[in-house]
PDB file of N, CA and C in Angstrom:
ATOM      1  N   MET A   1      -0.708  -3.919   6.694  1.00  0.00           N
ATOM      2  CA  MET A   1      -1.525  -4.841   5.949  1.00  0.00           C
ATOM      3  C   MET A   1      -2.922  -4.909   6.534  1.00  0.00           C
ATOM      4  N   ALA A   2      -3.020  -5.078   7.837  1.00  0.00           N
ATOM      5  CA  ALA A   2      -4.330  -5.223   8.464  1.00  0.00           C
ATOM      6  C   ALA A   2      -5.180  -3.969   8.295  1.00  0.00           C
ATOM      7  N   GLN A   3      -4.551  -2.805   8.372  1.00  0.00           N
ATOM      8  CA  GLN A   3      -5.314  -1.572   8.217  1.00  0.00           C
ATOM      9  C   GLN A   3      -5.891  -1.451   6.812  1.00  0.00           C
ATOM     10  N   VAL A   4      -5.108  -1.789   5.816  1.00  0.00           N
ATOM     11  CA  VAL A   4      -5.583  -1.728   4.430  1.00  0.00           C
ATOM     12  C   VAL A   4      -6.670  -2.767   4.216  1.00  0.00           C
ATOM     13  N   ARG A   5      -6.438  -3.957   4.703  1.00  0.00           N
ATOM     14  CA  ARG A   5      -7.422  -5.031   4.562  1.00  0.00           C
ATOM     15  C   ARG A   5      -8.757  -4.620   5.184  1.00  0.00           C
ATOM     16  N   ASP A   6      -8.714  -4.058   6.384  1.00  0.00           N
ATOM     17  CA  ASP A   6      -9.944  -3.650   7.056  1.00  0.00           C
ATOM     18  C   ASP A   6     -10.598  -2.466   6.355  1.00  0.00           C
ATOM     19  N   ALA A   7      -9.794  -1.503   5.911  1.00  0.00           N
ATOM     20  CA  ALA A   7     -10.338  -0.317   5.247  1.00  0.00           C
ATOM     21  C   ALA A   7     -11.037  -0.685   3.941  1.00  0.00           C
ATOM     22  N   LEU A   8     -10.486  -1.650   3.229  1.00  0.00           N
ATOM     23  CA  LEU A   8     -11.078  -2.065   1.955  1.00  0.00           C
ATOM     24  C   LEU A   8     -12.173  -3.118   2.132  1.00  0.00           C
ATOM     25  N   GLY A   9     -12.246  -3.694   3.323  1.00  0.00           N
ATOM     26  CA  GLY A   9     -13.243  -4.731   3.565  1.00  0.00           C
ATOM     27  C   GLY A   9     -12.987  -5.970   2.738  1.00  0.00           C
ATOM     28  N   THR A  10     -11.720  -6.329   2.593  1.00  0.00           N
ATOM     29  CA  THR A  10     -11.351  -7.474   1.765  1.00  0.00           C
ATOM     30  C   THR A  10     -10.456  -8.411   2.567  1.00  0.00           C
ATOM     31  N   SER A  11     -10.024  -9.470   1.943  1.00  0.00           N
ATOM     32  CA  SER A  11      -9.155 -10.428   2.615  1.00  0.00           C
ATOM     33  C   SER A  11      -7.688 -10.112   2.328  1.00  0.00           C
ATOM     34  N   ARG A  12      -6.825 -10.731   3.125  1.00  0.00           N
ATOM     35  CA  ARG A  12      -5.387 -10.578   2.921  1.00  0.00           C
ATOM     36  C   ARG A  12      -4.994 -11.064   1.524  1.00  0.00           C
ATOM     37  N   LYS A  13      -5.681 -12.085   1.042  1.00  0.00           N
ATOM     38  CA  LYS A  13      -5.408 -12.654  -0.279  1.00  0.00           C
ATOM     39  C   LYS A  13      -5.479 -11.593  -1.376  1.00  0.00           C
ATOM     40  N   HIS A  14      -6.393 -10.632  -1.240  1.00  0.00           N
ATOM     41  CA  HIS A  14      -6.563  -9.597  -2.256  1.00  0.00           C
ATOM     42  C   HIS A  14      -5.803  -8.324  -1.923  1.00  0.00           C
ATOM     43  N   ALA A  15      -5.634  -8.019  -0.651  1.00  0.00           N
ATOM     44  CA  ALA A  15      -4.948  -6.792  -0.248  1.00  0.00           C
ATOM     45  C   ALA A  15      -3.448  -6.867  -0.502  1.00  0.00           C
ATOM     46  N   LEU A  16      -2.837  -8.010  -0.288  1.00  0.00           N
ATOM     47  CA  LEU A  16      -1.392  -8.137  -0.457  1.00  0.00           C
ATOM     48  C   LEU A  16      -0.934  -7.870  -1.894  1.00  0.00           C
ATOM     49  N   PRO A  17      -1.567  -8.437  -2.925  1.00  0.00           N
ATOM     50  CA  PRO A  17      -1.157  -8.111  -4.296  1.00  0.00           C
ATOM     51  C   PRO A  17      -1.328  -6.623  -4.631  1.00  0.00           C
ATOM     52  N   LEU A  18      -2.366  -6.000  -4.108  1.00  0.00           N
ATOM     53  CA  LEU A  18      -2.568  -4.569  -4.335  1.00  0.00           C
ATOM     54  C   LEU A  18      -1.419  -3.775  -3.724  1.00  0.00           C
ATOM     55  N   LEU A  19      -1.062  -4.061  -2.486  1.00  0.00           N
ATOM     56  CA  LEU A  19       0.037  -3.350  -1.836  1.00  0.00           C
ATOM     57  C   LEU A  19       1.367  -3.629  -2.533  1.00  0.00           C
ATOM     58  N   ALA A  20       1.576  -4.847  -2.995  1.00  0.00           N
ATOM     59  CA  ALA A  20       2.799  -5.175  -3.730  1.00  0.00           C
ATOM     60  C   ALA A  20       2.879  -4.367  -5.020  1.00  0.00           C
ATOM     61  N   HIS A  21       1.754  -4.197  -5.694  1.00  0.00           N
ATOM     62  CA  HIS A  21       1.722  -3.405  -6.924  1.00  0.00           C
ATOM     63  C   HIS A  21       2.033  -1.936  -6.626  1.00  0.00           C
ATOM     64  N   LEU A  22       1.448  -1.393  -5.574  1.00  0.00           N
ATOM     65  CA  LEU A  22       1.724  -0.005  -5.198  1.00  0.00           C
ATOM     66  C   LEU A  22       3.204   0.193  -4.856  1.00  0.00           C
ATOM     67  N   ASP A  23       3.812  -0.781  -4.191  1.00  0.00           N
ATOM     68  CA  ASP A  23       5.246  -0.721  -3.883  1.00  0.00           C
ATOM     69  C   ASP A  23       6.074  -0.771  -5.169  1.00  0.00           C
ATOM     70  N   ALA A  24       5.702  -1.653  -6.074  1.00  0.00           N
ATOM     71  CA  ALA A  24       6.471  -1.840  -7.311  1.00  0.00           C
ATOM     72  C   ALA A  24       6.398  -0.634  -8.232  1.00  0.00           C
ATOM     73  N   THR A  25       5.282   0.090  -8.202  1.00  0.00           N
ATOM     74  CA  THR A  25       5.126   1.237  -9.087  1.00  0.00           C
ATOM     75  C   THR A  25       5.567   2.553  -8.452  1.00  0.00           C
ATOM     76  N   GLY A  26       6.006   2.497  -7.200  1.00  0.00           N
ATOM     77  CA  GLY A  26       6.537   3.696  -6.556  1.00  0.00           C
ATOM     78  C   GLY A  26       5.514   4.563  -5.860  1.00  0.00           C
ATOM     79  N   VAL A  27       4.276   4.110  -5.781  1.00  0.00           N
ATOM     80  CA  VAL A  27       3.263   4.883  -5.071  1.00  0.00           C
ATOM     81  C   VAL A  27       3.520   4.800  -3.569  1.00  0.00           C
ATOM     82  N   THR A  28       3.948   3.636  -3.109  1.00  0.00           N
ATOM     83  CA  THR A  28       4.338   3.448  -1.713  1.00  0.00           C
ATOM     84  C   THR A  28       5.705   2.786  -1.671  1.00  0.00           C
ATOM     85  N   ARG A  29       6.300   2.825  -0.490  1.00  0.00           N
ATOM     86  CA  ARG A  29       7.564   2.118  -0.240  1.00  0.00           C
ATOM     87  C   ARG A  29       7.464   1.431   1.103  1.00  0.00           C
ATOM     88  N   ARG A  30       8.099   0.290   1.206  1.00  0.00           N
ATOM     89  CA  ARG A  30       8.130  -0.422   2.481  1.00  0.00           C
ATOM     90  C   ARG A  30       9.363  -0.014   3.253  1.00  0.00           C
ATOM     91  N   ARG A  31       9.162   0.267   4.510  1.00  0.00           N
ATOM     92  CA  ARG A  31      10.257   0.510   5.455  1.00  0.00           C
ATOM     93  C   ARG A  31      10.003  -0.417   6.634  1.00  0.00           C
ATOM     94  N   GLY A  32      10.583  -1.603   6.550  1.00  0.00           N
ATOM     95  CA  GLY A  32      10.294  -2.613   7.567  1.00  0.00           C
ATOM     96  C   GLY A  32       8.868  -3.100   7.392  1.00  0.00           C
ATOM     97  N   ASP A  33       8.075  -2.958   8.441  1.00  0.00           N
ATOM     98  CA  ASP A  33       6.675  -3.387   8.386  1.00  0.00           C
ATOM     99  C   ASP A  33       5.732  -2.247   8.047  1.00  0.00           C
ATOM    100  N   VAL A  34       6.284  -1.077   7.740  1.00  0.00           N
ATOM    101  CA  VAL A  34       5.471   0.110   7.501  1.00  0.00           C
ATOM    102  C   VAL A  34       5.578   0.524   6.042  1.00  0.00           C
ATOM    103  N   ARG A  35       4.472   0.974   5.479  1.00  0.00           N
ATOM    104  CA  ARG A  35       4.490   1.524   4.121  1.00  0.00           C
ATOM    105  C   ARG A  35       4.387   3.034   4.232  1.00  0.00           C
ATOM    106  N   VAL A  36       5.225   3.722   3.456  1.00  0.00           N
ATOM    107  CA  VAL A  36       5.239   5.181   3.441  1.00  0.00           C
ATOM    108  C   VAL A  36       5.024   5.653   2.012  1.00  0.00           C
ATOM    109  N   ALA A  37       4.683   6.927   1.872  1.00  0.00           N
ATOM    110  CA  ALA A  37       4.467   7.483   0.543  1.00  0.00           C
ATOM    111  C   ALA A  37       5.727   7.367  -0.285  1.00  0.00           C
ATOM    112  N   GLY A  38       5.568   6.977  -1.526  1.00  0.00           N
ATOM    113  CA  GLY A  38       6.681   6.878  -2.453  1.00  0.00           C
ATOM    114  C   GLY A  38       6.748   8.109  -3.340  1.00  0.00           C
ATOM    115  N   PRO A  39       7.726   8.150  -4.219  1.00  0.00           N
ATOM    116  CA  PRO A  39       7.920   9.318  -5.078  1.00  0.00           C
ATOM    117  C   PRO A  39       6.794   9.544  -6.083  1.00  0.00           C
ATOM    118  N   ARG A  40       6.027   8.523  -6.381  1.00  0.00           N
ATOM    119  CA  ARG A  40       4.953   8.670  -7.383  1.00  0.00           C
ATOM    120  C   ARG A  40       3.603   8.953  -6.773  1.00  0.00           C
ATOM    121  N   LEU A  41       3.535   9.109  -5.452  1.00  0.00           N
ATOM    122  CA  LEU A  41       2.259   9.429  -4.809  1.00  0.00           C
ATOM    123  C   LEU A  41       1.928  10.884  -5.104  1.00  0.00           C
ATOM    124  N   PRO A  42       0.748  11.157  -5.647  1.00  0.00           N
ATOM    125  CA  PRO A  42       0.380  12.541  -5.942  1.00  0.00           C
ATOM    126  C   PRO A  42       0.337  13.361  -4.650  1.00  0.00           C
ATOM    127  N   PRO A  43       0.790  14.621  -4.704  1.00  0.00           N
ATOM    128  CA  PRO A  43       0.755  15.453  -3.497  1.00  0.00           C
ATOM    129  C   PRO A  43      -0.670  15.791  -3.092  1.00  0.00           C
ATOM    130  N   LEU A  44      -0.868  15.969  -1.790  1.00  0.00           N
ATOM    131  CA  LEU A  44      -2.180  16.370  -1.299  1.00  0.00           C
ATOM    132  C   LEU A  44      -2.410  17.832  -1.602  1.00  0.00           C
ATOM    133  N   SER A  45      -3.602  18.172  -2.004  1.00  0.00           N
ATOM    134  CA  SER A  45      -3.915  19.568  -2.362  1.00  0.00           C
ATOM    135  C   SER A  45      -4.285  20.364  -1.141  1.00  0.00           C
TER     136      SER A  45
END
């Protein structure tokens, strides 16, 4: 959470809903306190 918040230059209030949306749509997945790539994350070229 803190890394995303700092990278985006935003507050936790705005970063948390974004991360929740990414988790819900399969772009990321939560494994404990860590988020990992989900099945819908486009592959790196």
